[in-house]
Amino acid sequence: MDATLTTGRLVLRQPVMADAPRLSRLLDNFAVAGNLSRVPYPYRLSDAKWWLRLWRADSPAADTNFVVELPGEGLIGIVGLHADTPGTVIGYWLGEPYWNRGFMSEAAAACVDWYMGTTDADALHCGAFHFNKASLAIQRKLGFTEIGTSTRLCLARGEEVRHIDTQLTRTAWTTRQALATAATTGAQKENR
């Protein structure tokens, strides 16, 4: 689906072939690729071009990817949705120079809100390899809860790795939205 989202600091836009050099440069880093299941390492320009050729503007919401762009810097990561065994899954990564600044929490929240607001899905799935504490923290912040463990092939590592599976139900998302609205309303009343 062709959509653009804007957050306080970021623009989430559809990928274009011109993203290939920066995409390959940021993903050709084991610290990033080693946390992902479907990304090889080393990650070459040809890998980025192959992935970018898969994007279609007419894809359904459940198969949409967004480039996470920091104005003035360009592409800093990807957040996207795809079909998997449990249903629609959100996945994401951020280039290492941009870690620990809240960018992925902001981007993932925008993607989750867009997906839940665009579809009538009962749930959205996610997860992370057991050692990826930062990703699991983002998921908890967004209302995802652990629903079990599995093993997934990590292409960069060339092995099966224990994966913590998470899920965000529509009920949990709606509750998070209501709490955010109440907090904003309360802050506005205090500022009057």
Protein backbone atom coordinates (compact mmCIF):
# COMPACT_ATOMS: atom_id res chain seq x y z
CA MET A 1 0.00 0.00 0.00
CA ASP A 2 1.38 3.39 -0.92
CA ALA A 3 1.34 5.51 2.24
CA THR A 4 3.50 8.11 3.97
CA LEU A 5 3.49 8.64 7.74
CA THR A 6 4.94 11.54 9.69
CA THR A 7 5.98 11.52 13.35
CA GLY A 8 7.54 14.20 15.52
CA ARG A 9 11.02 13.58 14.09
CA LEU A 10 10.65 11.11 11.24
CA VAL A 11 9.05 10.47 7.88
CA LEU A 12 7.99 6.93 7.06
CA ARG A 13 7.76 6.63 3.30
CA GLN A 14 7.71 3.97 0.65
CA PRO A 15 11.07 2.56 -0.48
CA VAL A 16 12.61 3.62 -3.80
CA MET A 17 15.52 2.19 -5.77
CA ALA A 18 17.63 5.24 -4.88
CA ASP A 19 17.63 3.91 -1.28
CA ALA A 20 19.78 0.92 -2.28
CA PRO A 21 23.26 2.34 -1.49
CA ARG A 22 22.33 3.62 1.98
CA LEU A 23 20.24 0.52 2.71
CA SER A 24 23.16 -1.77 1.87
CA ARG A 25 25.66 0.36 3.81
CA LEU A 26 23.57 0.29 7.02
CA LEU A 27 22.65 -3.41 6.77
CA ASP A 28 26.19 -4.54 5.96
CA ASN A 29 26.89 -4.52 9.68
CA PHE A 30 26.73 -7.75 11.69
CA ALA A 31 25.52 -5.82 14.77
CA VAL A 32 22.36 -5.06 12.75
CA ALA A 33 22.01 -8.08 10.45
CA GLY A 34 22.75 -10.53 13.28
CA ASN A 35 19.53 -9.42 15.01
CA LEU A 36 17.34 -10.13 11.96
CA SER A 37 16.03 -13.40 10.58
CA ARG A 38 15.69 -12.62 6.87
CA VAL A 39 18.83 -10.55 6.19
CA PRO A 40 22.10 -12.11 4.98
CA TYR A 41 25.54 -10.97 6.03
CA PRO A 42 27.49 -9.57 4.37
CA TYR A 43 24.71 -7.47 2.86
CA ARG A 44 25.59 -6.21 -0.60
CA LEU A 45 24.21 -3.54 -2.91
CA SER A 46 22.76 -6.33 -5.05
CA ASP A 47 20.81 -7.60 -1.99
CA ALA A 48 19.33 -4.13 -1.45
CA LYS A 49 18.36 -3.80 -5.12
CA TRP A 50 16.77 -7.26 -5.10
CA TRP A 51 14.69 -6.38 -2.02
CA LEU A 52 13.66 -3.00 -3.42
CA ARG A 53 12.45 -4.63 -6.66
CA LEU A 54 9.92 -6.62 -4.59
CA TRP A 55 8.08 -3.50 -3.40
CA ARG A 56 4.75 -2.79 -5.07
CA ALA A 57 2.52 0.24 -4.50
CA ASP A 58 -0.58 -1.97 -4.70
CA SER A 59 0.50 -4.35 -1.91
CA PRO A 60 -2.03 -4.82 0.90
CA ALA A 61 -1.50 -3.16 4.27
CA ALA A 62 -0.29 -6.48 5.68
CA ASP A 63 2.60 -6.46 3.18
CA THR A 64 3.84 -2.86 3.37
CA ASN A 65 7.31 -1.56 4.14
CA PHE A 66 8.31 1.92 5.20
CA VAL A 67 11.71 3.54 4.93
CA VAL A 68 12.39 5.33 8.22
CA GLU A 69 13.83 8.65 7.15
CA LEU A 70 15.40 11.25 9.39
CA PRO A 71 15.07 14.63 7.65
CA GLY A 72 18.50 15.95 6.74
CA GLU A 73 20.08 12.48 7.02
CA GLY A 74 17.95 10.20 4.85
CA LEU A 75 17.19 6.53 5.39
CA ILE A 76 18.10 5.31 8.88
CA GLY A 77 16.14 2.04 8.94
CA ILE A 78 13.09 0.09 7.83
CA VAL A 79 9.84 -0.85 9.51
CA GLY A 80 7.45 -3.13 7.70
CA LEU A 81 4.75 -5.73 7.73
CA HIS A 82 4.63 -9.19 6.19
CA ALA A 83 2.66 -12.42 6.42
CA ASP A 84 4.13 -15.16 8.58
CA THR A 85 2.94 -18.31 10.35
CA PRO A 86 1.01 -16.59 13.17
CA GLY A 87 -0.46 -13.87 10.91
CA THR A 88 0.77 -10.39 10.06
CA VAL A 89 4.15 -9.60 11.61
CA ILE A 90 5.84 -6.25 12.09
CA GLY A 91 9.60 -6.23 11.69
CA TYR A 92 12.12 -3.43 11.90
CA TRP A 93 15.75 -2.48 12.02
CA LEU A 94 17.71 0.69 12.56
CA GLY A 95 21.25 1.54 11.43
CA GLU A 96 23.70 1.35 14.33
CA PRO A 97 24.63 5.09 14.28
CA TYR A 98 20.98 5.83 15.17
CA TRP A 99 20.55 3.43 18.10
CA ASN A 100 19.55 4.57 21.60
CA ARG A 101 17.77 7.75 20.49
CA GLY A 102 14.16 6.51 20.47
CA PHE A 103 13.85 6.55 16.69
CA MET A 104 12.64 2.97 16.33
CA SER A 105 10.09 3.28 19.13
CA GLU A 106 8.69 6.30 17.31
CA ALA A 107 8.71 4.62 13.88
CA ALA A 108 7.30 1.30 15.08
CA ALA A 109 4.50 3.06 16.99
CA ALA A 110 3.53 4.97 13.83
CA CYS A 111 3.51 1.77 11.77
CA VAL A 112 1.47 -0.14 14.36
CA ASP A 113 -1.06 2.70 14.64
CA TRP A 114 -1.31 2.94 10.84
CA TYR A 115 -1.82 -0.81 10.44
CA MET A 116 -4.38 -1.15 13.22
CA GLY A 117 -6.19 1.97 11.99
CA THR A 118 -6.19 0.78 8.37
CA THR A 119 -7.23 -2.83 8.92
CA ASP A 120 -9.67 -4.72 11.12
CA ALA A 121 -7.00 -7.20 12.25
CA ASP A 122 -7.53 -8.75 15.68
CA ALA A 123 -3.80 -8.84 16.39
CA LEU A 124 -0.34 -7.97 15.14
CA HIS A 125 2.62 -10.25 15.79
CA CYS A 126 6.28 -9.53 16.40
CA GLY A 127 9.19 -10.94 18.34
CA ALA A 128 12.95 -10.91 18.60
CA PHE A 129 15.86 -13.22 19.09
CA HIS A 130 16.31 -13.90 22.80
CA PHE A 131 19.43 -11.70 23.04
CA ASN A 132 17.83 -8.62 21.43
CA LYS A 133 16.70 -6.86 24.62
CA ALA A 134 16.32 -3.46 22.89
CA SER A 135 13.79 -4.83 20.40
CA LEU A 136 11.82 -6.59 23.12
CA ALA A 137 11.75 -3.32 25.12
CA ILE A 138 10.25 -1.49 22.13
CA GLN A 139 7.61 -4.18 21.76
CA ARG A 140 6.67 -4.02 25.45
CA LYS A 141 6.42 -0.23 25.21
CA LEU A 142 3.95 -0.64 22.33
CA GLY A 143 1.79 -3.12 24.26
CA PHE A 144 3.05 -6.40 22.78
CA THR A 145 3.09 -9.33 25.20
CA GLU A 146 5.10 -12.53 25.07
CA ILE A 147 3.09 -15.49 23.81
CA GLY A 148 5.81 -18.13 23.56
CA THR A 149 9.12 -19.05 22.01
CA SER A 150 10.14 -20.60 18.74
CA THR A 151 13.30 -21.00 16.71
CA ARG A 152 14.02 -19.02 13.58
CA LEU A 153 16.79 -19.18 11.07
CA CYS A 154 19.06 -16.15 11.27
CA LEU A 155 20.58 -15.85 7.80
CA ALA A 156 23.41 -13.61 9.02
CA ARG A 157 24.40 -16.14 11.70
CA GLY A 158 23.69 -19.19 9.56
CA GLU A 159 21.89 -20.96 12.39
CA GLU A 160 18.59 -21.47 14.15
CA VAL A 161 18.19 -19.08 17.08
CA ARG A 162 15.69 -19.03 19.95
CA HIS A 163 13.05 -16.40 19.22
CA ILE A 164 10.68 -14.78 21.71
CA ASP A 165 7.26 -14.43 20.05
CA THR A 166 5.03 -11.47 20.92
CA GLN A 167 1.57 -10.24 20.03
CA LEU A 168 -0.38 -7.02 20.23
CA THR A 169 -4.13 -7.55 20.37
CA ARG A 170 -6.57 -4.97 19.07
CA THR A 171 -7.90 -4.62 22.62
CA ALA A 172 -4.42 -3.81 23.97
CA TRP A 173 -3.82 -1.35 21.11
CA THR A 174 -7.18 0.37 21.72
CA THR A 175 -6.38 0.64 25.43
CA ARG A 176 -2.95 2.17 24.67
CA GLN A 177 -4.60 4.68 22.30
CA ALA A 178 -7.16 5.66 24.96
CA LEU A 179 -4.46 6.14 27.60
CA ALA A 180 -2.38 8.28 25.23
CA THR A 181 -5.41 10.43 24.41
CA ALA A 182 -6.24 10.84 28.11
CA ALA A 183 -2.64 11.84 28.89
CA THR A 184 -2.64 14.40 26.08
CA THR A 185 -5.99 15.81 27.19
CA GLY A 186 -4.77 16.03 30.80
CA ALA A 187 -1.59 17.84 29.75
CA GLN A 188 -3.59 20.31 27.66
CA LYS A 189 -5.86 21.09 30.63
CA GLU A 190 -2.84 21.70 32.88
CA ASN A 191 -1.37 24.15 30.35
CA ARG A 192 -4.49 26.32 30.26
